[in-house]
Amino acid sequence: MRNLDKYKGIIPAFYACYDGEGNISPERVRALTEYFIRKGVKGIYVNGSSGECIYQSVEDRKVVLENVMEAAAGKLTVIAHVACNNTKDSRELAAHAQKLGVDAIACIPPIYFHLPEYAIAEYWNDISDAAPDTDFIIYNIPQLAGVALTQSLFAKMRENPRVIGVKNSSMPVQDIQMFKQAGGEDYIIFNGPDEQFISGRVIGAEGGIGGTYGVMPELFLKMNELVEAGDLKKASEIQYQANAVIYKMCAAHGNMYAVIKEILRINEGLDIGGVRRPLTDLINEDMPIVEEAARMIREAKAGIC
């Protein structure tokens, strides 16, 4: 049985960090990494959806990961999402991630063309082969990738000894139970949808990777603690508070990550820039929404102290 403890717990998805011209800011990447260390999370998931990877170059993503690893200095579990929409670039990022010493790499399936399952398995295994000494995590997000991880594809991928689990961001909580039941204790399943964190944990997920964890890590850390203690009533109350914040952040004209980054400025004094187009920036009318969401987070944090 493999030791998967380093993956169990709260793993925020890392946000893209830009300078004033919209380029990757190494200084802000390091500052965000140090912020997560201070917050006491288990690890970070780098260059995924929250990191705006779909809008970044291979070189951008290398710079981000290099600075994360420098700042993390072994204090965080680091999972690097390395998937690009072609195998060549993905393998380059996988090899680079292994060279830097990440704990695991992760991949969505190829998007746009709907490939058969054997082609998706070949894509993932080709990427894994480029990082032969590194754990591999399947990222299942069918609502965005356009293809779902099936039980048959998961079974095929379990033939690869480097595959250790699934970041499951499909909406049915039942999928977590099905993947956990199929993989058993040798595989870890991460809850993806933040709005159902405790539901995913109860049905079988042993950790969580989420895009909103970073703006309110205290709430998810507390939920995880309460789930471990069996206090689901209190955990549910905090889940409702976190969900209310998420719904508020999604109500803005600007992209949710633009909202999150402004909240980090307000609540944490942390400036990591804006978002990269075609993601939409905040407009003036968004500011009451942003300020209300920031206040909701402060109040929720005060309530669990």
Protein backbone atom coordinates (compact mmCIF):
# COMPACT_ATOMS: atom_id res chain seq x y z
CA MET A 1 0.00 0.00 0.00
CA ARG A 2 1.34 3.42 -0.95
CA ASN A 3 1.80 6.25 1.52
CA LEU A 4 -0.57 8.95 0.32
CA ASP A 5 -0.64 11.03 3.51
CA LYS A 6 1.12 14.00 1.91
CA TYR A 7 -1.90 14.46 -0.35
CA LYS A 8 -4.60 14.28 2.33
CA GLY A 9 -6.06 17.61 3.37
CA ILE A 10 -6.60 21.07 1.94
CA ILE A 11 -4.75 21.86 -1.29
CA PRO A 12 -5.66 25.25 -2.77
CA ALA A 13 -5.42 25.74 -6.50
CA PHE A 14 -2.70 28.33 -7.12
CA TYR A 15 -3.73 31.60 -8.80
CA ALA A 16 -1.99 33.22 -11.75
CA CYS A 17 0.25 36.06 -10.59
CA TYR A 18 0.84 38.96 -13.00
CA ASP A 19 2.73 42.23 -12.95
CA GLY A 20 1.29 45.56 -14.09
CA GLU A 21 1.82 44.65 -17.76
CA GLY A 22 0.07 41.29 -17.46
CA ASN A 23 3.24 39.18 -17.49
CA ILE A 24 4.05 36.45 -14.97
CA SER A 25 5.51 38.06 -11.85
CA PRO A 26 8.08 35.81 -10.14
CA GLU A 27 7.96 38.04 -7.04
CA ARG A 28 4.18 37.73 -6.76
CA VAL A 29 4.33 33.97 -7.35
CA ARG A 30 6.72 33.65 -4.43
CA ALA A 31 4.57 35.95 -2.27
CA LEU A 32 1.46 33.84 -2.92
CA THR A 33 3.38 30.66 -2.11
CA GLU A 34 4.56 32.17 1.19
CA TYR A 35 0.96 33.19 1.94
CA PHE A 36 -0.15 29.56 1.63
CA ILE A 37 2.67 28.39 3.87
CA ARG A 38 1.54 30.86 6.55
CA LYS A 39 -2.05 29.68 6.27
CA GLY A 40 -1.06 26.11 7.07
CA VAL A 41 -2.55 24.31 4.08
CA LYS A 42 -1.33 20.86 3.08
CA GLY A 43 -0.14 21.82 -0.38
CA ILE A 44 -0.86 23.71 -3.58
CA TYR A 45 -2.05 22.73 -7.05
CA VAL A 46 -0.08 24.78 -9.56
CA ASN A 47 -0.91 25.78 -13.15
CA GLY A 48 -4.42 24.39 -13.21
CA SER A 49 -7.70 26.08 -14.10
CA SER A 50 -7.33 28.66 -11.32
CA GLY A 51 -3.82 29.34 -12.59
CA GLU A 52 -5.30 30.28 -15.99
CA CYS A 53 -3.12 27.63 -17.62
CA ILE A 54 -5.22 27.51 -20.76
CA TYR A 55 -4.12 31.09 -21.51
CA GLN A 56 -0.45 30.68 -20.67
CA SER A 57 2.58 29.58 -22.66
CA VAL A 58 4.83 26.67 -21.77
CA GLU A 59 7.47 29.17 -20.69
CA ASP A 60 4.97 31.05 -18.50
CA ARG A 61 4.09 27.84 -16.71
CA LYS A 62 7.74 26.93 -16.19
CA VAL A 63 8.45 30.30 -14.61
CA VAL A 64 5.49 29.92 -12.27
CA LEU A 65 6.51 26.45 -11.11
CA GLU A 66 10.18 27.37 -10.70
CA ASN A 67 9.29 30.21 -8.37
CA VAL A 68 6.72 28.16 -6.47
CA MET A 69 9.29 25.46 -5.80
CA GLU A 70 11.89 27.99 -4.71
CA ALA A 71 9.51 29.60 -2.23
CA ALA A 72 7.87 26.38 -1.04
CA ALA A 73 11.24 24.90 -0.05
CA GLY A 74 9.71 21.57 0.92
CA LYS A 75 7.06 23.12 3.19
CA LEU A 76 4.13 22.26 0.91
CA THR A 77 3.03 19.31 -1.16
CA VAL A 78 3.23 20.58 -4.74
CA ILE A 79 1.10 19.13 -7.54
CA ALA A 80 1.86 20.58 -10.98
CA HIS A 81 -0.81 20.46 -13.64
CA VAL A 82 1.13 19.92 -16.88
CA ALA A 83 -1.52 19.21 -19.51
CA CYS A 84 -1.45 21.18 -22.74
CA ASN A 85 -3.58 20.48 -25.78
CA ASN A 86 -0.77 18.49 -27.35
CA THR A 87 1.44 15.72 -26.05
CA LYS A 88 4.79 17.35 -26.91
CA ASP A 89 4.29 20.45 -24.75
CA SER A 90 2.74 18.39 -21.96
CA ARG A 91 5.75 16.06 -21.86
CA GLU A 92 8.07 19.05 -21.74
CA LEU A 93 6.23 20.44 -18.73
CA ALA A 94 6.12 17.01 -17.06
CA ALA A 95 9.88 16.54 -17.40
CA HIS A 96 10.46 20.07 -16.14
CA ALA A 97 8.21 19.46 -13.12
CA GLN A 98 10.05 16.27 -12.22
CA LYS A 99 13.40 18.03 -12.52
CA LEU A 100 12.17 20.63 -10.02
CA GLY A 101 11.11 17.91 -7.59
CA VAL A 102 7.32 18.25 -7.46
CA ASP A 103 5.36 15.62 -5.57
CA ALA A 104 2.98 14.86 -8.43
CA ILE A 105 1.91 15.94 -11.88
CA ALA A 106 -1.72 16.13 -12.97
CA CYS A 107 -3.48 16.27 -16.32
CA ILE A 108 -6.87 16.98 -17.81
CA PRO A 109 -7.69 15.04 -20.98
CA PRO A 110 -7.06 16.70 -24.37
CA ILE A 111 -9.82 19.16 -25.22
CA TYR A 112 -11.59 20.22 -28.44
CA PHE A 113 -11.28 16.98 -30.44
CA HIS A 114 -13.27 14.18 -28.82
CA LEU A 115 -10.73 11.38 -28.70
CA PRO A 116 -11.49 7.72 -28.00
CA GLU A 117 -10.58 6.37 -24.61
CA TYR A 118 -7.50 4.51 -25.85
CA ALA A 119 -6.12 7.78 -27.26
CA ILE A 120 -6.73 9.61 -23.97
CA ALA A 121 -4.96 6.81 -22.10
CA GLU A 122 -2.02 7.04 -24.52
CA TYR A 123 -1.88 10.82 -24.02
CA TRP A 124 -1.80 10.49 -20.22
CA ASN A 125 0.70 7.63 -20.25
CA ASP A 126 2.99 9.46 -22.69
CA ILE A 127 3.02 12.43 -20.32
CA SER A 128 3.60 10.20 -17.29
CA ASP A 129 6.50 8.52 -19.11
CA ALA A 130 8.22 11.92 -19.34
CA ALA A 131 8.25 12.06 -15.51
CA PRO A 132 8.96 8.43 -14.62
CA ASP A 133 9.81 9.10 -10.97
CA THR A 134 6.77 11.28 -10.23
CA ASP A 135 3.23 10.45 -9.10
CA PHE A 136 0.45 11.06 -11.63
CA ILE A 137 -3.04 12.38 -10.86
CA ILE A 138 -5.92 12.28 -13.34
CA TYR A 139 -7.93 15.50 -13.46
CA ASN A 140 -11.58 14.77 -14.23
CA ILE A 141 -13.51 17.94 -15.14
CA PRO A 142 -15.99 16.93 -17.86
CA GLN A 143 -18.02 20.13 -17.78
CA LEU A 144 -14.98 22.03 -19.13
CA ALA A 145 -12.88 19.35 -20.85
CA GLY A 146 -15.83 17.92 -22.75
CA VAL A 147 -14.91 14.34 -21.87
CA ALA A 148 -15.45 12.39 -18.66
CA LEU A 149 -13.28 9.88 -16.86
CA THR A 150 -15.19 6.60 -17.14
CA GLN A 151 -14.73 3.56 -14.96
CA SER A 152 -13.20 1.68 -17.91
CA LEU A 153 -10.70 4.48 -18.59
CA PHE A 154 -9.82 4.68 -14.90
CA ALA A 155 -9.26 0.92 -14.86
CA LYS A 156 -6.93 1.24 -17.86
CA MET A 157 -4.99 4.05 -16.20
CA ARG A 158 -4.54 2.03 -13.01
CA GLU A 159 -2.26 -0.24 -15.03
CA ASN A 160 0.24 2.66 -14.84
CA PRO A 161 1.96 2.29 -11.43
CA ARG A 162 2.57 6.04 -11.23
CA VAL A 163 -1.17 6.81 -11.19
CA ILE A 164 -2.15 7.49 -7.59
CA GLY A 165 -5.61 9.01 -7.89
CA VAL A 166 -8.13 11.42 -9.31
CA LYS A 167 -8.87 15.09 -8.84
CA ASN A 168 -12.59 14.77 -9.37
CA SER A 169 -14.33 17.99 -10.38
CA SER A 170 -17.43 16.40 -11.91
CA MET A 171 -20.61 17.54 -10.21
CA PRO A 172 -22.12 14.19 -9.10
CA VAL A 173 -20.76 13.33 -5.66
CA GLN A 174 -21.44 9.71 -6.56
CA ASP A 175 -18.45 9.79 -8.94
CA ILE A 176 -16.13 10.21 -5.96
CA GLN A 177 -17.59 7.11 -4.33
CA MET A 178 -17.30 5.12 -7.57
CA PHE A 179 -13.64 6.07 -8.13
CA LYS A 180 -12.79 5.40 -4.49
CA GLN A 181 -14.51 2.05 -4.53
CA ALA A 182 -12.73 1.07 -7.75
CA GLY A 183 -9.28 2.20 -6.61
CA GLY A 184 -9.39 1.28 -2.96
CA GLU A 185 -6.85 2.43 -0.41
CA ASP A 186 -4.00 2.55 -2.94
CA TYR A 187 -5.57 5.59 -4.63
CA ILE A 188 -6.58 9.00 -3.37
CA ILE A 189 -9.63 10.86 -4.64
CA PHE A 190 -9.71 14.64 -4.30
CA ASN A 191 -12.98 16.54 -4.08
CA GLY A 192 -13.05 19.17 -6.81
CA PRO A 193 -16.29 21.22 -6.58
CA ASP A 194 -15.76 23.53 -3.61
CA GLU A 195 -19.50 23.89 -3.00
CA GLN A 196 -19.75 20.23 -2.05
CA PHE A 197 -16.51 19.83 -0.11
CA ILE A 198 -17.95 18.10 2.94
CA SER A 199 -20.21 15.90 0.80
CA GLY A 200 -17.21 14.71 -1.17
CA ARG A 201 -15.19 14.10 1.98
CA VAL A 202 -17.96 12.08 3.61
CA ILE A 203 -18.48 9.83 0.59
CA GLY A 204 -14.82 8.99 0.11
CA ALA A 205 -12.56 11.89 -0.84
CA GLU A 206 -9.54 12.12 1.45
CA GLY A 207 -8.48 15.56 0.32
CA GLY A 208 -9.69 18.55 -1.61
CA ILE A 209 -8.26 20.71 -4.38
CA GLY A 210 -10.24 23.88 -4.98
CA GLY A 211 -10.17 27.21 -6.74
CA THR A 212 -11.81 29.19 -3.94
CA TYR A 213 -9.81 27.67 -1.06
CA GLY A 214 -7.10 30.29 -1.48
CA VAL A 215 -9.31 33.27 -0.70
CA MET A 216 -10.72 31.67 2.46
CA PRO A 217 -8.40 28.80 3.46
CA GLU A 218 -9.39 29.05 7.12
CA LEU A 219 -12.95 27.96 6.28
CA PHE A 220 -11.89 24.87 4.35
CA LEU A 221 -9.27 23.94 6.91
CA LYS A 222 -11.93 24.13 9.60
CA MET A 223 -14.41 22.11 7.56
CA ASN A 224 -11.80 19.43 7.04
CA GLU A 225 -11.02 19.37 10.76
CA LEU A 226 -14.71 19.03 11.62
CA VAL A 227 -15.26 16.25 9.09
CA GLU A 228 -12.32 14.37 10.62
CA ALA A 229 -13.88 14.88 14.06
CA GLY A 230 -17.30 13.71 12.88
CA ASP A 231 -19.01 17.05 13.57
CA LEU A 232 -20.95 17.26 10.32
CA LYS A 233 -23.50 19.73 11.68
CA LYS A 234 -20.88 22.39 12.32
CA ALA A 235 -19.06 21.50 9.11
CA SER A 236 -22.30 22.02 7.19
CA GLU A 237 -22.79 25.45 8.72
CA ILE A 238 -19.35 26.53 7.51
CA GLN A 239 -19.97 24.96 4.08
CA TYR A 240 -23.10 27.11 3.76
CA GLN A 241 -21.08 30.20 4.62
CA ALA A 242 -18.38 29.34 2.09
CA ASN A 243 -21.00 28.66 -0.57
CA ALA A 244 -22.67 32.00 0.07
CA VAL A 245 -19.29 33.65 -0.56
CA ILE A 246 -18.83 31.68 -3.78
CA TYR A 247 -22.27 32.65 -5.04
CA LYS A 248 -21.55 36.28 -4.22
CA MET A 249 -18.19 36.20 -6.05
CA CYS A 250 -19.86 34.66 -9.11
CA ALA A 251 -22.40 37.51 -9.21
CA ALA A 252 -19.88 40.05 -10.53
CA HIS A 253 -19.41 41.09 -14.13
CA GLY A 254 -15.71 40.35 -13.82
CA ASN A 255 -14.37 36.81 -13.77
CA MET A 256 -14.48 35.06 -10.39
CA TYR A 257 -10.67 34.97 -10.22
CA ALA A 258 -10.57 38.73 -10.73
CA VAL A 259 -12.92 38.98 -7.76
CA ILE A 260 -10.76 36.62 -5.69
CA LYS A 261 -7.61 38.59 -6.41
CA GLU A 262 -9.26 41.84 -5.35
CA ILE A 263 -10.48 40.20 -2.13
CA LEU A 264 -6.92 39.06 -1.42
CA ARG A 265 -5.84 42.71 -1.75
CA ILE A 266 -8.57 43.84 0.63
CA ASN A 267 -8.36 41.11 3.26
CA GLU A 268 -4.74 40.02 3.08
CA GLY A 269 -2.84 42.97 1.58
CA LEU A 270 -1.70 40.59 -1.16
CA ASP A 271 -1.46 41.97 -4.71
CA ILE A 272 -1.08 39.31 -7.42
CA GLY A 273 -2.41 41.33 -10.34
CA GLY A 274 -5.48 40.84 -12.47
CA VAL A 275 -6.59 38.15 -14.92
CA ARG A 276 -5.44 37.41 -18.45
CA ARG A 277 -7.80 38.07 -21.33
CA PRO A 278 -10.17 36.75 -22.53
CA LEU A 279 -11.06 36.47 -18.83
CA THR A 280 -12.88 39.65 -17.86
CA ASP A 281 -11.54 42.18 -15.37
CA LEU A 282 -13.61 43.90 -12.74
CA ILE A 283 -15.69 46.95 -13.56
CA ASN A 284 -16.67 49.74 -11.16
CA GLU A 285 -20.08 48.21 -10.58
CA ASP A 286 -18.41 45.06 -9.25
CA MET A 287 -16.80 46.74 -6.28
CA PRO A 288 -19.81 46.54 -3.91
CA ILE A 289 -20.01 42.81 -4.67
CA VAL A 290 -16.28 42.37 -4.03
CA GLU A 291 -16.40 44.33 -0.79
CA GLU A 292 -19.45 42.38 0.40
CA ALA A 293 -17.75 39.05 -0.34
CA ALA A 294 -14.62 40.21 1.47
CA ARG A 295 -16.71 41.19 4.49
CA MET A 296 -18.52 37.83 4.45
CA ILE A 297 -15.17 36.03 4.55
CA ARG A 298 -13.91 38.14 7.45
CA GLU A 299 -17.08 37.48 9.44
CA ALA A 300 -17.02 33.77 8.72
CA LYS A 301 -13.38 33.56 9.80
CA ALA A 302 -14.16 35.43 13.00
CA GLY A 303 -16.93 32.96 13.74
CA ILE A 304 -14.65 29.92 13.70
CA CYS A 305 -11.83 31.39 15.78
